[in-house]
PDB file of N, CA and C in Angstrom:
ATOM      1  N   MET A   1     -11.717  -3.097  -9.526  1.00  0.00           N
ATOM      2  CA  MET A   1     -12.829  -1.898  -9.677  1.00  0.00           C
ATOM      3  C   MET A   1     -13.836  -2.303 -10.204  1.00  0.00           C
ATOM      4  N   LEU A   2     -15.224  -1.975  -9.514  1.00  0.00           N
ATOM      5  CA  LEU A   2     -16.235  -2.375 -10.181  1.00  0.00           C
ATOM      6  C   LEU A   2     -16.773  -1.166 -11.126  1.00  0.00           C
ATOM      7  N   VAL A   3     -17.392  -1.422 -12.335  1.00  0.00           N
ATOM      8  CA  VAL A   3     -18.103  -0.431 -13.290  1.00  0.00           C
ATOM      9  C   VAL A   3     -19.654  -0.878 -13.679  1.00  0.00           C
ATOM     10  N   THR A   4     -19.963   0.174 -14.387  1.00  0.00           N
ATOM     11  CA  THR A   4     -21.436  -0.328 -14.608  1.00  0.00           C
ATOM     12  C   THR A   4     -21.283  -0.994 -16.127  1.00  0.00           C
ATOM     13  N   PHE A   5     -22.257  -1.299 -16.625  1.00  0.00           N
ATOM     14  CA  PHE A   5     -22.309  -1.964 -17.963  1.00  0.00           C
ATOM     15  C   PHE A   5     -21.815  -0.672 -18.861  1.00  0.00           C
ATOM     16  N   ALA A   6     -22.671   0.105 -18.801  1.00  0.00           N
ATOM     17  CA  ALA A   6     -22.259   1.492 -19.649  1.00  0.00           C
ATOM     18  C   ALA A   6     -20.850   1.713 -19.757  1.00  0.00           C
ATOM     19  N   GLU A   7     -20.324   1.889 -18.580  1.00  0.00           N
ATOM     20  CA  GLU A   7     -18.916   2.180 -18.442  1.00  0.00           C
ATOM     21  C   GLU A   7     -18.003   1.283 -19.195  1.00  0.00           C
ATOM     22  N   LEU A   8     -18.397  -0.054 -18.856  1.00  0.00           N
ATOM     23  CA  LEU A   8     -17.470  -1.031 -19.705  1.00  0.00           C
ATOM     24  C   LEU A   8     -17.619  -0.904 -21.196  1.00  0.00           C
ATOM     25  N   ALA A   9     -18.998  -0.551 -21.811  1.00  0.00           N
ATOM     26  CA  ALA A   9     -19.198  -0.381 -22.907  1.00  0.00           C
ATOM     27  C   ALA A   9     -18.347   0.828 -23.767  1.00  0.00           C
ATOM     28  N   ALA A  10     -18.191   1.900 -22.827  1.00  0.00           N
ATOM     29  CA  ALA A  10     -17.211   2.800 -23.253  1.00  0.00           C
ATOM     30  C   ALA A  10     -15.784   2.441 -23.547  1.00  0.00           C
ATOM     31  N   ILE A  11     -15.382   1.631 -22.490  1.00  0.00           N
ATOM     32  CA  ILE A  11     -14.214   1.204 -22.157  1.00  0.00           C
ATOM     33  C   ILE A  11     -13.769   0.298 -23.694  1.00  0.00           C
ATOM     34  N   ARG A  12     -14.758  -0.633 -23.985  1.00  0.00           N
ATOM     35  CA  ARG A  12     -14.708  -1.634 -24.849  1.00  0.00           C
ATOM     36  C   ARG A  12     -14.645  -0.877 -26.320  1.00  0.00           C
ATOM     37  N   GLY A  13     -15.387   0.121 -26.152  1.00  0.00           N
ATOM     38  CA  GLY A  13     -15.930   0.921 -27.532  1.00  0.00           C
ATOM     39  C   GLY A  13     -16.853  -0.070 -28.397  1.00  0.00           C
ATOM     40  N   CYS A  14     -17.950  -0.298 -27.540  1.00  0.00           N
ATOM     41  CA  CYS A  14     -19.179  -1.209 -28.224  1.00  0.00           C
ATOM     42  C   CYS A  14     -20.422  -0.489 -27.443  1.00  0.00           C
ATOM     43  N   THR A  15     -21.498  -1.243 -27.650  1.00  0.00           N
ATOM     44  CA  THR A  15     -22.890  -0.547 -26.972  1.00  0.00           C
ATOM     45  C   THR A  15     -22.989  -1.320 -25.784  1.00  0.00           C
ATOM     46  N   LYS A  16     -23.725  -0.906 -25.089  1.00  0.00           N
ATOM     47  CA  LYS A  16     -24.311  -1.333 -23.843  1.00  0.00           C
ATOM     48  C   LYS A  16     -25.041  -2.710 -23.828  1.00  0.00           C
ATOM     49  N   ALA A  17     -25.813  -2.614 -24.885  1.00  0.00           N
ATOM     50  CA  ALA A  17     -26.243  -4.101 -25.246  1.00  0.00           C
ATOM     51  C   ALA A  17     -25.294  -4.894 -25.390  1.00  0.00           C
ATOM     52  N   ALA A  18     -24.357  -4.784 -26.069  1.00  0.00           N
ATOM     53  CA  ALA A  18     -23.477  -5.937 -26.303  1.00  0.00           C
ATOM     54  C   ALA A  18     -22.760  -6.256 -25.012  1.00  0.00           C
ATOM     55  N   VAL A  19     -22.585  -5.770 -24.154  1.00  0.00           N
ATOM     56  CA  VAL A  19     -21.952  -5.935 -22.767  1.00  0.00           C
ATOM     57  C   VAL A  19     -23.196  -6.457 -22.278  1.00  0.00           C
ATOM     58  N   THR A  20     -24.349  -6.421 -22.378  1.00  0.00           N
ATOM     59  CA  THR A  20     -25.525  -7.156 -21.323  1.00  0.00           C
ATOM     60  C   THR A  20     -25.754  -8.129 -22.109  1.00  0.00           C
ATOM     61  N   HIS A  21     -25.125  -8.360 -23.359  1.00  0.00           N
ATOM     62  CA  HIS A  21     -25.546  -9.825 -24.097  1.00  0.00           C
ATOM     63  C   HIS A  21     -24.121 -10.607 -23.581  1.00  0.00           C
ATOM     64  N   ALA A  22     -23.116 -10.155 -23.684  1.00  0.00           N
ATOM     65  CA  ALA A  22     -21.746 -10.769 -23.162  1.00  0.00           C
ATOM     66  C   ALA A  22     -22.065 -11.118 -21.737  1.00  0.00           C
ATOM     67  N   SER A  23     -22.564 -10.337 -20.834  1.00  0.00           N
ATOM     68  CA  SER A  23     -22.437 -10.806 -19.593  1.00  0.00           C
ATOM     69  C   SER A  23     -23.494 -11.836 -19.177  1.00  0.00           C
ATOM     70  N   LYS A  24     -24.061 -12.352 -20.170  1.00  0.00           N
ATOM     71  CA  LYS A  24     -24.932 -13.683 -19.651  1.00  0.00           C
ATOM     72  C   LYS A  24     -24.276 -14.729 -20.277  1.00  0.00           C
ATOM     73  N   SER A  25     -22.968 -14.886 -20.939  1.00  0.00           N
ATOM     74  CA  SER A  25     -22.315 -15.852 -21.082  1.00  0.00           C
ATOM     75  C   SER A  25     -20.673 -15.687 -20.948  1.00  0.00           C
ATOM     76  N   ARG A  26     -20.214 -14.922 -21.944  1.00  0.00           N
ATOM     77  CA  ARG A  26     -19.009 -14.878 -22.062  1.00  0.00           C
ATOM     78  C   ARG A  26     -18.210 -14.010 -20.976  1.00  0.00           C
ATOM     79  N   ILE A  27     -18.895 -13.077 -20.350  1.00  0.00           N
ATOM     80  CA  ILE A  27     -17.898 -12.456 -19.180  1.00  0.00           C
ATOM     81  C   ILE A  27     -19.057 -12.513 -17.850  1.00  0.00           C
ATOM     82  N   ALA A  28     -19.737 -13.671 -17.821  1.00  0.00           N
ATOM     83  CA  ALA A  28     -20.705 -13.961 -16.509  1.00  0.00           C
ATOM     84  C   ALA A  28     -20.025 -13.989 -15.201  1.00  0.00           C
ATOM     85  N   GLY A  29     -18.772 -14.571 -15.400  1.00  0.00           N
ATOM     86  CA  GLY A  29     -17.631 -14.638 -14.303  1.00  0.00           C
ATOM     87  C   GLY A  29     -17.437 -12.992 -13.560  1.00  0.00           C
ATOM     88  N   ALA A  30     -17.672 -12.223 -14.268  1.00  0.00           N
ATOM     89  CA  ALA A  30     -17.381 -11.008 -13.757  1.00  0.00           C
ATOM     90  C   ALA A  30     -18.302  -9.862 -13.341  1.00  0.00           C
ATOM     91  N   VAL A  31     -19.604 -10.524 -13.521  1.00  0.00           N
ATOM     92  CA  VAL A  31     -20.706  -9.980 -12.892  1.00  0.00           C
ATOM     93  C   VAL A  31     -20.761  -9.780 -11.341  1.00  0.00           C
ATOM     94  N   VAL A  32     -21.211  -8.832 -10.613  1.00  0.00           N
ATOM     95  CA  VAL A  32     -21.358  -8.860  -9.161  1.00  0.00           C
ATOM     96  C   VAL A  32     -22.389  -7.874  -8.868  1.00  0.00           C
ATOM     97  N   VAL A  33     -23.212  -8.642  -8.177  1.00  0.00           N
ATOM     98  CA  VAL A  33     -24.726  -7.961  -7.473  1.00  0.00           C
ATOM     99  C   VAL A  33     -24.309  -7.359  -6.350  1.00  0.00           C
ATOM    100  N   LYS A  34     -24.385  -5.917  -6.172  1.00  0.00           N
ATOM    101  CA  LYS A  34     -24.033  -5.046  -5.112  1.00  0.00           C
ATOM    102  C   LYS A  34     -25.759  -4.052  -4.535  1.00  0.00           C
ATOM    103  N   ASP A  35     -26.125  -4.794  -3.813  1.00  0.00           N
ATOM    104  CA  ASP A  35     -27.109  -3.623  -3.341  1.00  0.00           C
ATOM    105  C   ASP A  35     -28.441  -3.689  -4.333  1.00  0.00           C
ATOM    106  N   GLY A  36     -28.539  -4.858  -5.069  1.00  0.00           N
ATOM    107  CA  GLY A  36     -29.691  -5.215  -6.117  1.00  0.00           C
ATOM    108  C   GLY A  36     -29.173  -4.689  -7.141  1.00  0.00           C
ATOM    109  N   LYS A  37     -28.077  -4.101  -7.538  1.00  0.00           N
ATOM    110  CA  LYS A  37     -27.340  -3.748  -8.705  1.00  0.00           C
ATOM    111  C   LYS A  37     -26.316  -4.597  -9.320  1.00  0.00           C
ATOM    112  N   LYS A  38     -26.401  -4.733 -10.609  1.00  0.00           N
ATOM    113  CA  LYS A  38     -25.378  -5.608 -11.404  1.00  0.00           C
ATOM    114  C   LYS A  38     -24.395  -4.436 -11.746  1.00  0.00           C
ATOM    115  N   TRP A  39     -23.015  -4.975 -11.203  1.00  0.00           N
ATOM    116  CA  TRP A  39     -21.707  -4.264 -11.628  1.00  0.00           C
ATOM    117  C   TRP A  39     -20.675  -5.400 -12.253  1.00  0.00           C
ATOM    118  N   LEU A  40     -19.788  -4.859 -12.785  1.00  0.00           N
ATOM    119  CA  LEU A  40     -18.771  -5.662 -13.601  1.00  0.00           C
ATOM    120  C   LEU A  40     -17.524  -5.434 -12.726  1.00  0.00           C
ATOM    121  N   ASP A  41     -16.792  -6.354 -12.406  1.00  0.00           N
ATOM    122  CA  ASP A  41     -15.340  -6.390 -12.096  1.00  0.00           C
ATOM    123  C   ASP A  41     -14.413  -5.803 -13.402  1.00  0.00           C
ATOM    124  N   ARG A  42     -13.917  -4.681 -13.538  1.00  0.00           N
ATOM    125  CA  ARG A  42     -13.416  -4.141 -14.755  1.00  0.00           C
ATOM    126  C   ARG A  42     -12.323  -5.094 -15.338  1.00  0.00           C
ATOM    127  N   ASP A  43     -11.258  -5.249 -14.260  1.00  0.00           N
ATOM    128  CA  ASP A  43     -10.358  -6.268 -14.796  1.00  0.00           C
ATOM    129  C   ASP A  43     -10.464  -7.673 -15.146  1.00  0.00           C
ATOM    130  N   LEU A  44     -11.881  -8.301 -14.490  1.00  0.00           N
ATOM    131  CA  LEU A  44     -11.775  -9.553 -14.717  1.00  0.00           C
ATOM    132  C   LEU A  44     -12.518  -9.669 -16.176  1.00  0.00           C
ATOM    133  N   ALA A  45     -13.726  -8.791 -16.418  1.00  0.00           N
ATOM    134  CA  ALA A  45     -14.459  -8.580 -17.427  1.00  0.00           C
ATOM    135  C   ALA A  45     -13.358  -8.280 -18.469  1.00  0.00           C
ATOM    136  N   LEU A  46     -12.772  -7.370 -18.675  1.00  0.00           N
ATOM    137  CA  LEU A  46     -11.714  -7.250 -19.559  1.00  0.00           C
ATOM    138  C   LEU A  46     -10.803  -8.561 -20.050  1.00  0.00           C
ATOM    139  N   GLU A  47     -10.362  -9.188 -19.111  1.00  0.00           N
ATOM    140  CA  GLU A  47      -9.690 -10.491 -19.272  1.00  0.00           C
ATOM    141  C   GLU A  47     -10.650 -11.354 -19.908  1.00  0.00           C
ATOM    142  N   LEU A  48     -11.646 -11.664 -19.493  1.00  0.00           N
ATOM    143  CA  LEU A  48     -12.878 -12.543 -20.293  1.00  0.00           C
ATOM    144  C   LEU A  48     -13.330 -12.504 -21.049  1.00  0.00           C
ATOM    145  N   TRP A  49     -13.548 -11.046 -21.575  1.00  0.00           N
ATOM    146  CA  TRP A  49     -13.881 -10.258 -23.047  1.00  0.00           C
ATOM    147  C   TRP A  49     -12.665 -10.567 -23.980  1.00  0.00           C
ATOM    148  N   ASN A  50     -11.348 -10.385 -23.706  1.00  0.00           N
ATOM    149  CA  ASN A  50     -10.326 -10.614 -24.432  1.00  0.00           C
ATOM    150  C   ASN A  50     -10.431 -12.257 -24.850  1.00  0.00           C
ATOM    151  N   LYS A  51     -10.648 -13.232 -23.937  1.00  0.00           N
ATOM    152  CA  LYS A  51     -10.284 -14.348 -23.842  1.00  0.00           C
ATOM    153  C   LYS A  51     -11.323 -15.364 -25.070  1.00  0.00           C
ATOM    154  N   ASN A  52     -12.799 -14.772 -24.520  1.00  0.00           N
ATOM    155  CA  ASN A  52     -13.572 -15.244 -25.294  1.00  0.00           C
ATOM    156  C   ASN A  52     -14.407 -14.480 -26.551  1.00  0.00           C
ATOM    157  N   THR A  53     -13.806 -13.419 -26.857  1.00  0.00           N
ATOM    158  CA  THR A  53     -14.381 -12.292 -28.064  1.00  0.00           C
ATOM    159  C   THR A  53     -13.188 -12.331 -28.853  1.00  0.00           C
ATOM    160  N   ALA A  54     -13.609 -12.313 -30.119  1.00  0.00           N
ATOM    161  CA  ALA A  54     -12.726 -12.117 -31.450  1.00  0.00           C
ATOM    162  C   ALA A  54     -12.535 -10.626 -31.223  1.00  0.00           C
ATOM    163  N   ALA A  55     -11.180  -9.998 -31.317  1.00  0.00           N
ATOM    164  CA  ALA A  55     -10.687  -8.647 -31.178  1.00  0.00           C
ATOM    165  C   ALA A  55     -11.398  -7.757 -32.365  1.00  0.00           C
ATOM    166  N   THR A  56     -11.613  -6.364 -31.757  1.00  0.00           N
ATOM    167  CA  THR A  56     -12.081  -5.127 -32.670  1.00  0.00           C
ATOM    168  C   THR A  56     -11.261  -4.092 -32.631  1.00  0.00           C
ATOM    169  N   PRO A  57     -11.124  -3.481 -33.549  1.00  0.00           N
ATOM    170  CA  PRO A  57     -10.225  -2.281 -33.544  1.00  0.00           C
ATOM    171  C   PRO A  57     -10.695  -1.004 -32.756  1.00  0.00           C
ATOM    172  N   LEU A  58     -11.855  -1.223 -32.269  1.00  0.00           N
ATOM    173  CA  LEU A  58     -12.738  -0.100 -31.853  1.00  0.00           C
ATOM    174  C   LEU A  58     -12.299   0.371 -30.558  1.00  0.00           C
ATOM    175  N   SER A  59     -12.056  -0.857 -29.897  1.00  0.00           N
ATOM    176  CA  SER A  59     -11.660  -1.056 -28.195  1.00  0.00           C
ATOM    177  C   SER A  59     -10.744   0.083 -28.018  1.00  0.00           C
ATOM    178  N   LYS A  60     -10.919   0.919 -26.791  1.00  0.00           N
ATOM    179  CA  LYS A  60      -9.851   1.612 -26.300  1.00  0.00           C
ATOM    180  C   LYS A  60      -9.080   0.985 -25.239  1.00  0.00           C
ATOM    181  N   VAL A  61      -9.422  -0.290 -24.507  1.00  0.00           N
ATOM    182  CA  VAL A  61      -8.527  -0.700 -23.658  1.00  0.00           C
ATOM    183  C   VAL A  61      -9.037  -2.271 -23.964  1.00  0.00           C
ATOM    184  N   SER A  62      -7.589  -3.044 -23.815  1.00  0.00           N
ATOM    185  CA  SER A  62      -7.937  -4.435 -24.292  1.00  0.00           C
ATOM    186  C   SER A  62      -7.359  -5.120 -23.350  1.00  0.00           C
ATOM    187  N   ARG A  63      -6.863  -4.407 -22.276  1.00  0.00           N
ATOM    188  CA  ARG A  63      -6.248  -5.506 -21.138  1.00  0.00           C
ATOM    189  C   ARG A  63      -6.319  -4.813 -19.860  1.00  0.00           C
ATOM    190  N   PRO A  64      -6.272  -5.672 -18.661  1.00  0.00           N
ATOM    191  CA  PRO A  64      -6.523  -4.929 -17.334  1.00  0.00           C
ATOM    192  C   PRO A  64      -4.819  -4.007 -17.187  1.00  0.00           C
ATOM    193  N   ASP A  65      -4.890  -3.090 -16.057  1.00  0.00           N
ATOM    194  CA  ASP A  65      -3.997  -2.065 -15.782  1.00  0.00           C
ATOM    195  C   ASP A  65      -2.710  -3.115 -15.464  1.00  0.00           C
ATOM    196  N   PRO A  66      -1.689  -3.150 -15.741  1.00  0.00           N
ATOM    197  CA  PRO A  66      -0.333  -3.773 -15.189  1.00  0.00           C
ATOM    198  C   PRO A  66      -0.242  -3.575 -13.870  1.00  0.00           C
ATOM    199  N   VAL A  67       0.109  -4.852 -13.214  1.00  0.00           N
ATOM    200  CA  VAL A  67       0.328  -4.746 -11.717  1.00  0.00           C
ATOM    201  C   VAL A  67       1.601  -4.249 -11.577  1.00  0.00           C
ATOM    202  N   GLU A  68       2.739  -4.604 -12.584  1.00  0.00           N
ATOM    203  CA  GLU A  68       3.971  -4.166 -12.308  1.00  0.00           C
ATOM    204  C   GLU A  68       4.367  -2.996 -13.357  1.00  0.00           C
ATOM    205  N   PRO A  69       5.448  -2.412 -13.181  1.00  0.00           N
ATOM    206  CA  PRO A  69       6.012  -1.421 -14.203  1.00  0.00           C
ATOM    207  C   PRO A  69       6.582  -2.042 -15.357  1.00  0.00           C
ATOM    208  N   ALA A  70       6.474  -1.711 -16.407  1.00  0.00           N
ATOM    209  CA  ALA A  70       7.223  -2.146 -17.509  1.00  0.00           C
ATOM    210  C   ALA A  70       8.661  -2.492 -17.348  1.00  0.00           C
ATOM    211  N   PRO A  71       9.436  -3.583 -17.673  1.00  0.00           N
ATOM    212  CA  PRO A  71      10.706  -3.452 -17.786  1.00  0.00           C
ATOM    213  C   PRO A  71      11.429  -2.602 -18.258  1.00  0.00           C
ATOM    214  N   LYS A  72      12.532  -2.178 -17.875  1.00  0.00           N
ATOM    215  CA  LYS A  72      13.411  -0.624 -18.253  1.00  0.00           C
ATOM    216  C   LYS A  72      14.087  -0.943 -19.590  1.00  0.00           C
ATOM    217  N   ASP A  73      14.926  -2.382 -19.479  1.00  0.00           N
ATOM    218  CA  ASP A  73      15.405  -2.705 -20.487  1.00  0.00           C
ATOM    219  C   ASP A  73      15.589  -3.976 -20.876  1.00  0.00           C
ATOM    220  N   ALA A  74      16.183  -4.766 -21.906  1.00  0.00           N
ATOM    221  CA  ALA A  74      15.950  -6.086 -22.167  1.00  0.00           C
ATOM    222  C   ALA A  74      16.505  -7.050 -21.313  1.00  0.00           C
ATOM    223  N   LYS A  75      17.659  -6.580 -20.214  1.00  0.00           N
ATOM    224  CA  LYS A  75      18.128  -7.283 -19.446  1.00  0.00           C
ATOM    225  C   LYS A  75      17.039  -7.618 -18.287  1.00  0.00           C
ATOM    226  N   GLU A  76      16.499  -6.478 -17.814  1.00  0.00           N
ATOM    227  CA  GLU A  76      15.462  -6.670 -16.819  1.00  0.00           C
ATOM    228  C   GLU A  76      14.235  -7.663 -17.514  1.00  0.00           C
ATOM    229  N   LEU A  77      14.091  -7.752 -18.402  1.00  0.00           N
ATOM    230  CA  LEU A  77      13.049  -8.350 -19.260  1.00  0.00           C
ATOM    231  C   LEU A  77      13.215  -9.707 -19.239  1.00  0.00           C
ATOM    232  N   ARG A  78      14.647  -9.954 -19.578  1.00  0.00           N
ATOM    233  CA  ARG A  78      15.096 -11.407 -19.431  1.00  0.00           C
ATOM    234  C   ARG A  78      15.013 -12.048 -17.993  1.00  0.00           C
ATOM    235  N   ALA A  79      15.356 -11.209 -16.782  1.00  0.00           N
ATOM    236  CA  ALA A  79      15.479 -11.814 -15.640  1.00  0.00           C
ATOM    237  C   ALA A  79      14.105 -11.847 -15.021  1.00  0.00           C
ATOM    238  N   ARG A  80      12.985 -11.003 -15.468  1.00  0.00           N
ATOM    239  CA  ARG A  80      11.739 -11.617 -14.952  1.00  0.00           C
ATOM    240  C   ARG A  80      11.215 -12.932 -15.911  1.00  0.00           C
ATOM    241  N   VAL A  81      11.456 -12.955 -17.212  1.00  0.00           N
ATOM    242  CA  VAL A  81      10.992 -14.242 -17.700  1.00  0.00           C
ATOM    243  C   VAL A  81      11.861 -15.810 -17.060  1.00  0.00           C
ATOM    244  N   ASP A  82      12.815 -15.471 -16.836  1.00  0.00           N
ATOM    245  CA  ASP A  82      13.541 -16.438 -16.291  1.00  0.00           C
ATOM    246  C   ASP A  82      13.096 -17.047 -15.013  1.00  0.00           C
ATOM    247  N   ALA A  83      12.607 -16.025 -14.341  1.00  0.00           N
ATOM    248  CA  ALA A  83      12.140 -15.943 -12.909  1.00  0.00           C
ATOM    249  C   ALA A  83      10.641 -16.831 -12.882  1.00  0.00           C
ATOM    250  N   LEU A  84      10.166 -16.676 -14.000  1.00  0.00           N
ATOM    251  CA  LEU A  84       8.450 -17.317 -14.108  1.00  0.00           C
ATOM    252  C   LEU A  84       8.795 -18.674 -14.221  1.00  0.00           C
ATOM    253  N   PRO A  85       7.356 -19.491 -13.555  1.00  0.00           N
ATOM    254  CA  PRO A  85       7.684 -20.746 -13.831  1.00  0.00           C
ATOM    255  C   PRO A  85       7.256 -21.176 -15.052  1.00  0.00           C
ATOM    256  N   ASP A  86       7.588 -22.577 -15.954  1.00  0.00           N
ATOM    257  CA  ASP A  86       7.455 -22.840 -17.011  1.00  0.00           C
ATOM    258  C   ASP A  86       6.023 -22.911 -17.443  1.00  0.00           C
ATOM    259  N   ASP A  87       4.897 -23.061 -16.294  1.00  0.00           N
ATOM    260  CA  ASP A  87       3.396 -23.093 -17.097  1.00  0.00           C
ATOM    261  C   ASP A  87       3.064 -21.661 -17.004  1.00  0.00           C
ATOM    262  N   SER A  88       3.702 -20.865 -16.691  1.00  0.00           N
ATOM    263  CA  SER A  88       3.304 -19.189 -16.868  1.00  0.00           C
ATOM    264  C   SER A  88       3.641 -18.498 -18.149  1.00  0.00           C
ATOM    265  N   ILE A  89       4.548 -19.208 -18.668  1.00  0.00           N
ATOM    266  CA  ILE A  89       5.162 -18.457 -19.808  1.00  0.00           C
ATOM    267  C   ILE A  89       4.199 -18.825 -21.226  1.00  0.00           C
ATOM    268  N   PRO A  90       3.894 -17.900 -21.907  1.00  0.00           N
ATOM    269  CA  PRO A  90       2.754 -17.898 -22.787  1.00  0.00           C
ATOM    270  C   PRO A  90       3.453 -18.883 -24.074  1.00  0.00           C
ATOM    271  N   GLU A  91       2.187 -19.194 -24.793  1.00  0.00           N
ATOM    272  CA  GLU A  91       2.938 -20.007 -25.923  1.00  0.00           C
ATOM    273  C   GLU A  91       3.519 -19.137 -26.925  1.00  0.00           C
ATOM    274  N   LEU A  92       4.259 -19.643 -27.852  1.00  0.00           N
ATOM    275  CA  LEU A  92       4.868 -19.057 -28.592  1.00  0.00           C
ATOM    276  C   LEU A  92       4.102 -18.234 -29.627  1.00  0.00           C
ATOM    277  N   ASN A  93       3.006 -18.501 -30.223  1.00  0.00           N
ATOM    278  CA  ASN A  93       1.985 -18.056 -31.070  1.00  0.00           C
ATOM    279  C   ASN A  93       1.456 -16.892 -30.330  1.00  0.00           C
ATOM    280  N   GLU A  94       1.087 -16.832 -29.072  1.00  0.00           N
ATOM    281  CA  GLU A  94       0.347 -16.138 -28.246  1.00  0.00           C
ATOM    282  C   GLU A  94       1.478 -14.700 -28.038  1.00  0.00           C
ATOM    283  N   SER A  95       2.886 -15.112 -28.085  1.00  0.00           N
ATOM    284  CA  SER A  95       3.764 -14.340 -27.904  1.00  0.00           C
ATOM    285  C   SER A  95       4.044 -13.424 -29.092  1.00  0.00           C
ATOM    286  N   ARG A  96       4.190 -14.118 -30.125  1.00  0.00           N
ATOM    287  CA  ARG A  96       4.293 -13.368 -31.400  1.00  0.00           C
ATOM    288  C   ARG A  96       2.941 -12.506 -31.751  1.00  0.00           C
ATOM    289  N   ALA A  97       1.741 -12.766 -31.611  1.00  0.00           N
ATOM    290  CA  ALA A  97       0.685 -11.951 -31.440  1.00  0.00           C
ATOM    291  C   ALA A  97       0.528 -10.732 -30.773  1.00  0.00           C
ATOM    292  N   ARG A  98       1.236 -10.909 -29.430  1.00  0.00           N
ATOM    293  CA  ARG A  98       1.493  -9.729 -28.500  1.00  0.00           C
ATOM    294  C   ARG A  98       2.494  -8.730 -29.081  1.00  0.00           C
ATOM    295  N   ARG A  99       3.464  -9.251 -29.741  1.00  0.00           N
ATOM    296  CA  ARG A  99       4.625  -8.497 -30.251  1.00  0.00           C
ATOM    297  C   ARG A  99       4.254  -7.797 -31.310  1.00  0.00           C
ATOM    298  N   GLU A 100       3.379  -8.629 -32.146  1.00  0.00           N
ATOM    299  CA  GLU A 100       2.916  -7.869 -33.678  1.00  0.00           C
ATOM    300  C   GLU A 100       1.820  -6.971 -33.099  1.00  0.00           C
ATOM    301  N   HIS A 101       1.157  -7.143 -32.146  1.00  0.00           N
ATOM    302  CA  HIS A 101      -0.013  -5.898 -32.086  1.00  0.00           C
ATOM    303  C   HIS A 101       0.983  -4.431 -31.519  1.00  0.00           C
TER     304      HIS A 101
END
C-alpha cells in the first residue's frame, strides 16, 4: 500500500521531516515515484525503518500487517516453525527480543 510521507510519520509517531530524512538513506528502497510525486511502500518502509533505525517507544506500528493469521495454539506454532527452512528461522537473540517485546 502506498502512503505519503506524512502518513508514515503518523504511523511511526515521528515528524514528517524525520521520514523525509530517512527516505534519503535508511528507507530509500521504499520510495516510489508515481505521477511526479514521491510515495512510500508502507510495508517495505516499516521493514526498512525497523531494520535501520533504533527503536522508539512512540511508534504506533512497528511492523507490516501479518500475511497469515496468528497460530491458535502452541502445537500449530510448532508445526509452522518446523515447516520453515533453516535459513528463515531467526537467531536466538532476535527471538528473545521479540518475545520480551
